[in-house]
Amino acid sequence: MRAMTQSPLLPYFDFILAMLSQENRAVETCFGRHVHFGYWSNPKEAGADEGDYARAAERLTRELCEAGSIASGESVLDAGCGFGGTLTHLNENYRNMRLVGINLESRQLDRARRLVHAMPDNRLEFHHGDACALPFADASFDRVLAVECVFHFPSREQFLREAFRVLKPGGTLALSDFLPARLFRPLAVAATEAPMLARFQYFGRCNLGYTAATYRSVASQIGYEPVLARNVTRNVLPTYQHLKHLLAGAAAIEGITGPIVRFMDALRFLSGAGLLNYYVVGLRKPAPKSG
């Protein structure tokens, strides 16, 4: 299969990288390590400061690692590894690991390589490549992670197949994803494909065509066993207020801040209404049956 030859257009990463180059403290705290939503066990206790958001982002990483049943002594692939925040968490908390990150955007990989250095008893690799055409041999990894990125991939199904291929028997895939409610799916798909809404695509092209039922069906066809499918929308909802606050104060995106902040309000409403949900999904590649 031919890999993608161009990086996806992700304006929000342009903003983050620009702010990091200007040593913007708020952006460094919130997104210098992890570039994904936060997770609050009790959303009512969410704080308004950047440190609270950074801790919540770390908690979401832990949720994904727990969903993947990661343990020391394993090989882990982080697809769409961003700045290497998830690999940093694994590197700091597990031992005797082979940790591998892959990303299609070279600027993100450059920062990851600068920031993340393997502990003495861990091995660390970064690869530039396509998560839908993984450059790894069959049965290479005990675990595969994809934290809040698969909606950017050209094909979720192809990624699921590739993850299945590189997983060892008994290995697990854990991911987080935005899934529309079944009745909202047609509108969500139409909205993400409408040319008139292109100016709102601050987060790039997002495929919102998968529901929880689609995941179950496609994963089963590929051969996965279900492990979990947790709707954690209420736990990530405070993220929207943090993002709105951060964007509203960003002079670097003057001219699109207004529409994007309104777009953020719309996303928060849809999530609060149960129309656009945030899921943590765990899938297992079956191990050979003994006897």
C-alpha atoms as a PDB file:
ATOM      1  CA  MET A   1       0.000   0.000   0.000  1.00  0.00           C
ATOM      2  CA  ARG A   2       1.249   3.458  -0.886  1.00  0.00           C
ATOM      3  CA  ALA A   3       1.862   5.678   2.108  1.00  0.00           C
ATOM      4  CA  MET A   4       0.592   9.237   2.267  1.00  0.00           C
ATOM      5  CA  THR A   5       3.145  11.542   0.708  1.00  0.00           C
ATOM      6  CA  GLN A   6       2.092  14.769   2.403  1.00  0.00           C
ATOM      7  CA  SER A   7       1.518  15.753   5.987  1.00  0.00           C
ATOM      8  CA  PRO A   8      -2.084  16.570   6.878  1.00  0.00           C
ATOM      9  CA  LEU A   9      -2.985  20.251   7.176  1.00  0.00           C
ATOM     10  CA  LEU A  10      -3.420  20.874  10.887  1.00  0.00           C
ATOM     11  CA  PRO A  11      -3.644  24.621  11.585  1.00  0.00           C
ATOM     12  CA  TYR A  12      -3.786  24.071  15.338  1.00  0.00           C
ATOM     13  CA  PHE A  13      -0.306  22.553  15.245  1.00  0.00           C
ATOM     14  CA  ASP A  14       0.929  25.590  13.309  1.00  0.00           C
ATOM     15  CA  PHE A  15      -0.410  27.730  16.157  1.00  0.00           C
ATOM     16  CA  ILE A  16       1.080  25.544  18.894  1.00  0.00           C
ATOM     17  CA  LEU A  17       4.503  25.421  17.252  1.00  0.00           C
ATOM     18  CA  ALA A  18       4.460  29.188  16.675  1.00  0.00           C
ATOM     19  CA  MET A  19       3.578  29.829  20.322  1.00  0.00           C
ATOM     20  CA  LEU A  20       6.246  27.390  21.522  1.00  0.00           C
ATOM     21  CA  SER A  21       8.842  29.180  19.400  1.00  0.00           C
ATOM     22  CA  GLN A  22       7.812  32.413  21.148  1.00  0.00           C
ATOM     23  CA  GLU A  23       8.154  30.695  24.540  1.00  0.00           C
ATOM     24  CA  ASN A  24       4.489  31.218  25.351  1.00  0.00           C
ATOM     25  CA  ARG A  25       4.171  29.894  28.893  1.00  0.00           C
ATOM     26  CA  ALA A  26       0.498  28.935  28.716  1.00  0.00           C
ATOM     27  CA  VAL A  27       0.896  26.931  25.518  1.00  0.00           C
ATOM     28  CA  GLU A  28       4.106  25.326  26.775  1.00  0.00           C
ATOM     29  CA  THR A  29       2.353  24.186  29.953  1.00  0.00           C
ATOM     30  CA  CYS A  30      -0.799  22.922  28.240  1.00  0.00           C
ATOM     31  CA  PHE A  31       0.603  21.468  25.011  1.00  0.00           C
ATOM     32  CA  GLY A  32       4.373  21.315  25.253  1.00  0.00           C
ATOM     33  CA  ARG A  33       4.211  17.628  26.130  1.00  0.00           C
ATOM     34  CA  HIS A  34       0.747  16.271  25.322  1.00  0.00           C
ATOM     35  CA  VAL A  35      -1.401  17.592  22.480  1.00  0.00           C
ATOM     36  CA  HIS A  36      -4.736  16.064  23.376  1.00  0.00           C
ATOM     37  CA  PHE A  37      -7.751  16.501  25.632  1.00  0.00           C
ATOM     38  CA  GLY A  38      -7.623  16.327  29.404  1.00  0.00           C
ATOM     39  CA  TYR A  39      -9.398  13.814  31.631  1.00  0.00           C
ATOM     40  CA  TRP A  40     -10.964  14.745  34.970  1.00  0.00           C
ATOM     41  CA  SER A  41     -12.239  11.971  37.252  1.00  0.00           C
ATOM     42  CA  ASN A  42     -14.605  14.559  38.731  1.00  0.00           C
ATOM     43  CA  PRO A  43     -15.262  17.248  36.095  1.00  0.00           C
ATOM     44  CA  LYS A  44     -16.804  19.511  38.741  1.00  0.00           C
ATOM     45  CA  GLU A  45     -13.355  19.844  40.304  1.00  0.00           C
ATOM     46  CA  ALA A  46     -11.654  20.982  37.083  1.00  0.00           C
ATOM     47  CA  GLY A  47      -9.530  24.068  37.618  1.00  0.00           C
ATOM     48  CA  ALA A  48      -9.046  27.022  35.294  1.00  0.00           C
ATOM     49  CA  ASP A  49      -5.246  27.186  35.327  1.00  0.00           C
ATOM     50  CA  GLU A  50      -2.800  25.703  32.828  1.00  0.00           C
ATOM     51  CA  GLY A  51      -1.291  23.355  35.391  1.00  0.00           C
ATOM     52  CA  ASP A  52      -4.658  21.720  35.974  1.00  0.00           C
ATOM     53  CA  TYR A  53      -5.005  21.112  32.254  1.00  0.00           C
ATOM     54  CA  ALA A  54      -1.507  19.621  31.985  1.00  0.00           C
ATOM     55  CA  ARG A  55      -2.295  17.190  34.809  1.00  0.00           C
ATOM     56  CA  ALA A  56      -5.589  16.273  33.156  1.00  0.00           C
ATOM     57  CA  ALA A  57      -3.823  15.568  29.851  1.00  0.00           C
ATOM     58  CA  GLU A  58      -1.427  13.273  31.697  1.00  0.00           C
ATOM     59  CA  ARG A  59      -4.417  11.482  33.254  1.00  0.00           C
ATOM     60  CA  LEU A  60      -5.891  10.831  29.822  1.00  0.00           C
ATOM     61  CA  THR A  61      -2.605   9.244  28.798  1.00  0.00           C
ATOM     62  CA  ARG A  62      -2.803   6.992  31.867  1.00  0.00           C
ATOM     63  CA  GLU A  63      -6.361   6.015  30.936  1.00  0.00           C
ATOM     64  CA  LEU A  64      -5.166   4.885  27.508  1.00  0.00           C
ATOM     65  CA  CYS A  65      -2.224   2.972  28.969  1.00  0.00           C
ATOM     66  CA  GLU A  66      -4.561   1.187  31.368  1.00  0.00           C
ATOM     67  CA  ALA A  67      -6.975   0.422  28.529  1.00  0.00           C
ATOM     68  CA  GLY A  68      -4.054  -1.139  26.668  1.00  0.00           C
ATOM     69  CA  SER A  69      -2.975  -3.184  29.726  1.00  0.00           C
ATOM     70  CA  ILE A  70       0.594  -1.966  29.287  1.00  0.00           C
ATOM     71  CA  ALA A  71       3.230  -3.499  31.554  1.00  0.00           C
ATOM     72  CA  SER A  72       7.002  -3.273  31.879  1.00  0.00           C
ATOM     73  CA  GLY A  73       9.055  -5.416  29.532  1.00  0.00           C
ATOM     74  CA  GLU A  74       6.849  -4.817  26.485  1.00  0.00           C
ATOM     75  CA  SER A  75       7.150  -3.279  23.035  1.00  0.00           C
ATOM     76  CA  VAL A  76       4.738  -0.388  22.435  1.00  0.00           C
ATOM     77  CA  LEU A  77       3.941   1.535  19.263  1.00  0.00           C
ATOM     78  CA  ASP A  78       2.434   5.011  19.622  1.00  0.00           C
ATOM     79  CA  ALA A  79       0.747   5.873  16.312  1.00  0.00           C
ATOM     80  CA  GLY A  80       0.384   9.605  15.750  1.00  0.00           C
ATOM     81  CA  CYS A  81       2.894  10.236  18.521  1.00  0.00           C
ATOM     82  CA  GLY A  82       2.879  14.043  18.312  1.00  0.00           C
ATOM     83  CA  PHE A  83       5.495  15.605  20.586  1.00  0.00           C
ATOM     84  CA  GLY A  84       6.152  12.259  22.276  1.00  0.00           C
ATOM     85  CA  GLY A  85       4.134  12.948  25.428  1.00  0.00           C
ATOM     86  CA  THR A  86       2.676   9.454  25.654  1.00  0.00           C
ATOM     87  CA  LEU A  87       6.090   7.904  25.052  1.00  0.00           C
ATOM     88  CA  THR A  88       7.518  10.197  27.738  1.00  0.00           C
ATOM     89  CA  HIS A  89       4.912   8.862  30.175  1.00  0.00           C
ATOM     90  CA  LEU A  90       5.796   5.274  29.264  1.00  0.00           C
ATOM     91  CA  ASN A  91       9.518   5.991  29.444  1.00  0.00           C
ATOM     92  CA  GLU A  92       9.171   7.484  32.932  1.00  0.00           C
ATOM     93  CA  ASN A  93       6.852   4.862  34.387  1.00  0.00           C
ATOM     94  CA  TYR A  94       7.808   1.516  32.829  1.00  0.00           C
ATOM     95  CA  ARG A  95      11.055  -0.407  32.511  1.00  0.00           C
ATOM     96  CA  ASN A  96      12.713  -2.669  29.929  1.00  0.00           C
ATOM     97  CA  MET A  97      10.533  -1.218  27.194  1.00  0.00           C
ATOM     98  CA  ARG A  98      10.881  -0.866  23.453  1.00  0.00           C
ATOM     99  CA  LEU A  99       9.057   2.401  22.758  1.00  0.00           C
ATOM    100  CA  VAL A 100       8.339   3.399  19.166  1.00  0.00           C
ATOM    101  CA  GLY A 101       6.613   6.521  17.873  1.00  0.00           C
ATOM    102  CA  ILE A 102       5.438   7.169  14.329  1.00  0.00           C
ATOM    103  CA  ASN A 103       4.084  10.396  12.877  1.00  0.00           C
ATOM    104  CA  LEU A 104       3.535  11.889   9.439  1.00  0.00           C
ATOM    105  CA  GLU A 105       4.422  15.448  10.480  1.00  0.00           C
ATOM    106  CA  SER A 106       8.171  16.015  10.632  1.00  0.00           C
ATOM    107  CA  ARG A 107       7.996  19.140  12.832  1.00  0.00           C
ATOM    108  CA  GLN A 108       6.261  17.181  15.560  1.00  0.00           C
ATOM    109  CA  LEU A 109       8.861  14.430  15.307  1.00  0.00           C
ATOM    110  CA  ASP A 110      11.695  16.959  15.500  1.00  0.00           C
ATOM    111  CA  ARG A 111      10.347  18.262  18.802  1.00  0.00           C
ATOM    112  CA  ALA A 112       9.746  14.736  20.102  1.00  0.00           C
ATOM    113  CA  ARG A 113      13.334  13.737  19.349  1.00  0.00           C
ATOM    114  CA  ARG A 114      14.600  16.805  21.220  1.00  0.00           C
ATOM    115  CA  LEU A 115      12.406  16.247  24.263  1.00  0.00           C
ATOM    116  CA  VAL A 116      12.317  12.496  24.828  1.00  0.00           C
ATOM    117  CA  HIS A 117      15.414  10.521  25.752  1.00  0.00           C
ATOM    118  CA  ALA A 118      15.311   6.862  26.683  1.00  0.00           C
ATOM    119  CA  MET A 119      15.886   5.803  30.263  1.00  0.00           C
ATOM    120  CA  PRO A 120      18.938   3.518  30.631  1.00  0.00           C
ATOM    121  CA  ASP A 121      16.865   0.322  30.507  1.00  0.00           C
ATOM    122  CA  ASN A 122      14.452   1.432  27.762  1.00  0.00           C
ATOM    123  CA  ARG A 123      14.844   1.697  23.992  1.00  0.00           C
ATOM    124  CA  LEU A 124      13.275   4.567  22.077  1.00  0.00           C
ATOM    125  CA  GLU A 125      12.700   5.033  18.336  1.00  0.00           C
ATOM    126  CA  PHE A 126      10.922   7.660  16.251  1.00  0.00           C
ATOM    127  CA  HIS A 127       9.825   7.004  12.671  1.00  0.00           C
ATOM    128  CA  HIS A 128       8.454   9.314  10.005  1.00  0.00           C
ATOM    129  CA  GLY A 129       5.640   7.419   8.336  1.00  0.00           C
ATOM    130  CA  ASP A 130       1.990   6.654   7.742  1.00  0.00           C
ATOM    131  CA  ALA A 131      -0.039   4.897  10.434  1.00  0.00           C
ATOM    132  CA  CYS A 132      -2.145   3.344   7.661  1.00  0.00           C
ATOM    133  CA  ALA A 133       0.933   1.736   6.085  1.00  0.00           C
ATOM    134  CA  LEU A 134       3.126   0.884   9.074  1.00  0.00           C
ATOM    135  CA  PRO A 135       6.793   0.183   8.223  1.00  0.00           C
ATOM    136  CA  PHE A 136       7.060  -2.675  10.718  1.00  0.00           C
ATOM    137  CA  ALA A 137       7.062  -6.451  10.451  1.00  0.00           C
ATOM    138  CA  ASP A 138       4.094  -8.585  11.413  1.00  0.00           C
ATOM    139  CA  ALA A 139       3.729  -9.313  15.141  1.00  0.00           C
ATOM    140  CA  SER A 140       6.249  -6.623  16.163  1.00  0.00           C
ATOM    141  CA  PHE A 141       4.475  -5.096  19.168  1.00  0.00           C
ATOM    142  CA  ASP A 142       2.753  -6.131  22.375  1.00  0.00           C
ATOM    143  CA  ARG A 143       0.667  -2.946  22.432  1.00  0.00           C
ATOM    144  CA  VAL A 144      -0.390  -0.236  19.998  1.00  0.00           C
ATOM    145  CA  LEU A 145      -1.694   3.154  21.144  1.00  0.00           C
ATOM    146  CA  ALA A 146      -3.404   5.894  19.145  1.00  0.00           C
ATOM    147  CA  VAL A 147      -4.247   8.829  21.382  1.00  0.00           C
ATOM    148  CA  GLU A 148      -6.768  11.201  19.817  1.00  0.00           C
ATOM    149  CA  CYS A 149      -5.500  11.009  16.246  1.00  0.00           C
ATOM    150  CA  VAL A 150      -7.306   8.314  14.227  1.00  0.00           C
ATOM    151  CA  PHE A 151      -9.971  10.764  13.032  1.00  0.00           C
ATOM    152  CA  HIS A 152      -7.172  12.460  11.050  1.00  0.00           C
ATOM    153  CA  PHE A 153      -6.117   9.216   9.339  1.00  0.00           C
ATOM    154  CA  PRO A 154      -7.181   8.551   5.718  1.00  0.00           C
ATOM    155  CA  SER A 155      -8.921   5.349   6.802  1.00  0.00           C
ATOM    156  CA  ARG A 156      -9.725   4.083  10.281  1.00  0.00           C
ATOM    157  CA  GLU A 157     -10.307   0.610   8.892  1.00  0.00           C
ATOM    158  CA  GLN A 158      -6.889   0.493   7.247  1.00  0.00           C
ATOM    159  CA  PHE A 159      -5.249   1.655  10.465  1.00  0.00           C
ATOM    160  CA  LEU A 160      -7.130  -0.997  12.452  1.00  0.00           C
ATOM    161  CA  ARG A 161      -5.912  -3.626   9.975  1.00  0.00           C
ATOM    162  CA  GLU A 162      -2.338  -2.392  10.174  1.00  0.00           C
ATOM    163  CA  ALA A 163      -2.410  -2.328  13.975  1.00  0.00           C
ATOM    164  CA  PHE A 164      -3.803  -5.877  13.951  1.00  0.00           C
ATOM    165  CA  ARG A 165      -0.994  -6.964  11.632  1.00  0.00           C
ATOM    166  CA  VAL A 166       1.849  -5.556  13.750  1.00  0.00           C
ATOM    167  CA  LEU A 167       0.377  -6.735  17.066  1.00  0.00           C
ATOM    168  CA  LYS A 168       1.593  -9.969  18.558  1.00  0.00           C
ATOM    169  CA  PRO A 169      -1.114 -12.552  19.290  1.00  0.00           C
ATOM    170  CA  GLY A 170      -2.717 -11.533  22.573  1.00  0.00           C
ATOM    171  CA  GLY A 171      -1.627  -7.919  22.066  1.00  0.00           C
ATOM    172  CA  THR A 172      -3.938  -4.952  22.500  1.00  0.00           C
ATOM    173  CA  LEU A 173      -4.797  -1.742  20.693  1.00  0.00           C
ATOM    174  CA  ALA A 174      -6.026   1.195  22.778  1.00  0.00           C
ATOM    175  CA  LEU A 175      -7.222   4.435  21.236  1.00  0.00           C
ATOM    176  CA  SER A 176      -9.345   7.488  21.925  1.00  0.00           C
ATOM    177  CA  ASP A 177     -11.692   8.927  19.339  1.00  0.00           C
ATOM    178  CA  PHE A 178     -14.583  11.309  18.728  1.00  0.00           C
ATOM    179  CA  LEU A 179     -17.701   9.285  17.860  1.00  0.00           C
ATOM    180  CA  PRO A 180     -21.038  10.809  16.865  1.00  0.00           C
ATOM    181  CA  ALA A 181     -24.311   9.436  18.156  1.00  0.00           C
ATOM    182  CA  ARG A 182     -25.964   7.251  15.521  1.00  0.00           C
ATOM    183  CA  LEU A 183     -28.691   9.746  14.643  1.00  0.00           C
ATOM    184  CA  PHE A 184     -26.224  12.637  14.538  1.00  0.00           C
ATOM    185  CA  ARG A 185     -23.742  10.857  12.249  1.00  0.00           C
ATOM    186  CA  PRO A 186     -25.169  12.041   8.870  1.00  0.00           C
ATOM    187  CA  LEU A 187     -25.063  15.673   9.969  1.00  0.00           C
ATOM    188  CA  ALA A 188     -21.573  15.284  11.456  1.00  0.00           C
ATOM    189  CA  VAL A 189     -20.233  13.797   8.221  1.00  0.00           C
ATOM    190  CA  ALA A 190     -21.913  16.462   6.103  1.00  0.00           C
ATOM    191  CA  ALA A 191     -20.558  19.246   8.303  1.00  0.00           C
ATOM    192  CA  THR A 192     -16.952  18.036   8.097  1.00  0.00           C
ATOM    193  CA  GLU A 193     -17.134  17.761   4.300  1.00  0.00           C
ATOM    194  CA  ALA A 194     -18.959  21.026   3.526  1.00  0.00           C
ATOM    195  CA  PRO A 195     -16.695  23.527   1.674  1.00  0.00           C
ATOM    196  CA  MET A 196     -18.498  26.448   3.307  1.00  0.00           C
ATOM    197  CA  LEU A 197     -17.245  25.261   6.707  1.00  0.00           C
ATOM    198  CA  ALA A 198     -13.602  25.030   5.635  1.00  0.00           C
ATOM    199  CA  ARG A 199     -12.655  28.130   7.646  1.00  0.00           C
ATOM    200  CA  PHE A 200     -13.697  26.291  10.805  1.00  0.00           C
ATOM    201  CA  GLN A 201     -11.351  23.370  10.116  1.00  0.00           C
ATOM    202  CA  TYR A 202      -8.807  24.622  12.604  1.00  0.00           C
ATOM    203  CA  PHE A 203      -8.224  21.036  13.683  1.00  0.00           C
ATOM    204  CA  GLY A 204      -7.759  19.830  10.113  1.00  0.00           C
ATOM    205  CA  ARG A 205      -9.961  17.424   8.222  1.00  0.00           C
ATOM    206  CA  CYS A 206     -11.699  15.217  10.769  1.00  0.00           C
ATOM    207  CA  ASN A 207     -13.500  12.037   9.772  1.00  0.00           C
ATOM    208  CA  LEU A 208     -16.553  11.741  12.017  1.00  0.00           C
ATOM    209  CA  GLY A 209     -18.061   8.811  10.130  1.00  0.00           C
ATOM    210  CA  TYR A 210     -17.452   6.151  12.789  1.00  0.00           C
ATOM    211  CA  THR A 211     -19.915   5.388  15.568  1.00  0.00           C
ATOM    212  CA  ALA A 212     -19.369   2.983  18.454  1.00  0.00           C
ATOM    213  CA  ALA A 213     -21.358   0.394  16.486  1.00  0.00           C
ATOM    214  CA  THR A 214     -19.102   0.904  13.452  1.00  0.00           C
ATOM    215  CA  TYR A 215     -16.044   0.208  15.580  1.00  0.00           C
ATOM    216  CA  ARG A 216     -17.583  -3.009  16.888  1.00  0.00           C
ATOM    217  CA  SER A 217     -18.507  -4.191  13.407  1.00  0.00           C
ATOM    218  CA  VAL A 218     -15.246  -3.321  11.639  1.00  0.00           C
ATOM    219  CA  ALA A 219     -13.056  -4.579  14.494  1.00  0.00           C
ATOM    220  CA  SER A 220     -14.934  -7.879  14.546  1.00  0.00           C
ATOM    221  CA  GLN A 221     -14.524  -8.300  10.776  1.00  0.00           C
ATOM    222  CA  ILE A 222     -10.776  -7.757  11.103  1.00  0.00           C
ATOM    223  CA  GLY A 223     -10.538 -10.313  13.896  1.00  0.00           C
ATOM    224  CA  TYR A 224     -10.261  -8.261  17.075  1.00  0.00           C
ATOM    225  CA  GLU A 225     -11.858  -9.214  20.357  1.00  0.00           C
ATOM    226  CA  PRO A 226     -13.533  -6.303  22.195  1.00  0.00           C
ATOM    227  CA  VAL A 227     -11.914  -5.250  25.467  1.00  0.00           C
ATOM    228  CA  LEU A 228     -13.730  -2.033  26.319  1.00  0.00           C
ATOM    229  CA  ALA A 229     -15.570   0.929  24.842  1.00  0.00           C
ATOM    230  CA  ARG A 230     -15.939   3.682  27.440  1.00  0.00           C
ATOM    231  CA  ASN A 231     -17.816   6.874  26.796  1.00  0.00           C
ATOM    232  CA  VAL A 232     -15.769   9.389  28.806  1.00  0.00           C
ATOM    233  CA  THR A 233     -17.303  12.541  27.329  1.00  0.00           C
ATOM    234  CA  ARG A 234     -18.258  14.024  30.695  1.00  0.00           C
ATOM    235  CA  ASN A 235     -14.689  13.496  31.916  1.00  0.00           C
ATOM    236  CA  VAL A 236     -13.158  15.472  29.049  1.00  0.00           C
ATOM    237  CA  LEU A 237     -15.747  18.271  28.769  1.00  0.00           C
ATOM    238  CA  PRO A 238     -13.690  20.834  30.761  1.00  0.00           C
ATOM    239  CA  THR A 239     -11.167  20.725  27.915  1.00  0.00           C
ATOM    240  CA  TYR A 240     -13.388  22.943  25.791  1.00  0.00           C
ATOM    241  CA  GLN A 241     -13.283  25.794  28.285  1.00  0.00           C
ATOM    242  CA  HIS A 242      -9.498  25.551  28.515  1.00  0.00           C
ATOM    243  CA  LEU A 243      -9.154  25.615  24.723  1.00  0.00           C
ATOM    244  CA  LYS A 244     -11.568  28.511  24.388  1.00  0.00           C
ATOM    245  CA  HIS A 245      -9.627  30.521  26.965  1.00  0.00           C
ATOM    246  CA  LEU A 246      -6.307  29.736  25.295  1.00  0.00           C
ATOM    247  CA  LEU A 247      -7.508  30.620  21.806  1.00  0.00           C
ATOM    248  CA  ALA A 248      -9.291  33.779  22.899  1.00  0.00           C
ATOM    249  CA  GLY A 249      -6.034  35.168  24.248  1.00  0.00           C
ATOM    250  CA  ALA A 250      -3.891  34.218  21.265  1.00  0.00           C
ATOM    251  CA  ALA A 251      -2.965  37.254  19.181  1.00  0.00           C
ATOM    252  CA  ALA A 252      -1.120  34.992  16.734  1.00  0.00           C
ATOM    253  CA  ILE A 253      -4.400  33.823  15.233  1.00  0.00           C
ATOM    254  CA  GLU A 254      -6.097  37.204  15.112  1.00  0.00           C
ATOM    255  CA  GLY A 255      -8.777  37.146  12.444  1.00  0.00           C
ATOM    256  CA  ILE A 256      -9.840  33.529  12.978  1.00  0.00           C
ATOM    257  CA  THR A 257     -10.047  33.550  16.751  1.00  0.00           C
ATOM    258  CA  GLY A 258     -13.695  34.648  16.750  1.00  0.00           C
ATOM    259  CA  PRO A 259     -15.003  31.878  14.463  1.00  0.00           C
ATOM    260  CA  ILE A 260     -12.872  29.246  16.170  1.00  0.00           C
ATOM    261  CA  VAL A 261     -14.055  30.235  19.645  1.00  0.00           C
ATOM    262  CA  ARG A 262     -17.656  30.006  18.431  1.00  0.00           C
ATOM    263  CA  PHE A 263     -16.836  26.641  16.871  1.00  0.00           C
ATOM    264  CA  MET A 264     -15.466  25.524  20.251  1.00  0.00           C
ATOM    265  CA  ASP A 265     -18.747  26.535  21.883  1.00  0.00           C
ATOM    266  CA  ALA A 266     -20.627  24.467  19.302  1.00  0.00           C
ATOM    267  CA  LEU A 267     -18.463  21.407  19.964  1.00  0.00           C
ATOM    268  CA  ARG A 268     -18.967  21.786  23.687  1.00  0.00           C
ATOM    269  CA  PHE A 269     -22.743  21.969  23.195  1.00  0.00           C
ATOM    270  CA  LEU A 270     -22.779  18.876  20.959  1.00  0.00           C
ATOM    271  CA  SER A 271     -20.685  16.916  23.448  1.00  0.00           C
ATOM    272  CA  GLY A 272     -22.785  18.027  26.401  1.00  0.00           C
ATOM    273  CA  ALA A 273     -25.925  16.984  24.534  1.00  0.00           C
ATOM    274  CA  GLY A 274     -24.545  13.503  23.860  1.00  0.00           C
ATOM    275  CA  LEU A 275     -24.369  14.032  20.093  1.00  0.00           C
ATOM    276  CA  LEU A 276     -20.570  14.001  19.758  1.00  0.00           C
ATOM    277  CA  ASN A 277     -18.914  11.685  22.250  1.00  0.00           C
ATOM    278  CA  TYR A 278     -15.350  10.965  23.322  1.00  0.00           C
ATOM    279  CA  TYR A 279     -14.564   7.266  23.647  1.00  0.00           C
ATOM    280  CA  VAL A 280     -11.694   5.173  24.929  1.00  0.00           C
ATOM    281  CA  VAL A 281     -11.635   1.936  22.939  1.00  0.00           C
ATOM    282  CA  GLY A 282      -9.677  -1.232  23.674  1.00  0.00           C
ATOM    283  CA  LEU A 283      -9.302  -4.149  21.249  1.00  0.00           C
ATOM    284  CA  ARG A 284      -7.334  -7.400  21.482  1.00  0.00           C
ATOM    285  CA  LYS A 285      -5.732  -9.573  18.829  1.00  0.00           C
ATOM    286  CA  PRO A 286      -6.699 -13.111  19.892  1.00  0.00           C
ATOM    287  CA  ALA A 287      -4.005 -15.403  21.210  1.00  0.00           C
ATOM    288  CA  PRO A 288      -3.810 -18.957  19.842  1.00  0.00           C
ATOM    289  CA  LYS A 289      -6.057 -21.326  21.725  1.00  0.00           C
ATOM    290  CA  SER A 290      -4.133 -23.896  23.746  1.00  0.00           C
ATOM    291  CA  GLY A 291      -4.849 -27.576  23.497  1.00  0.00           C
END
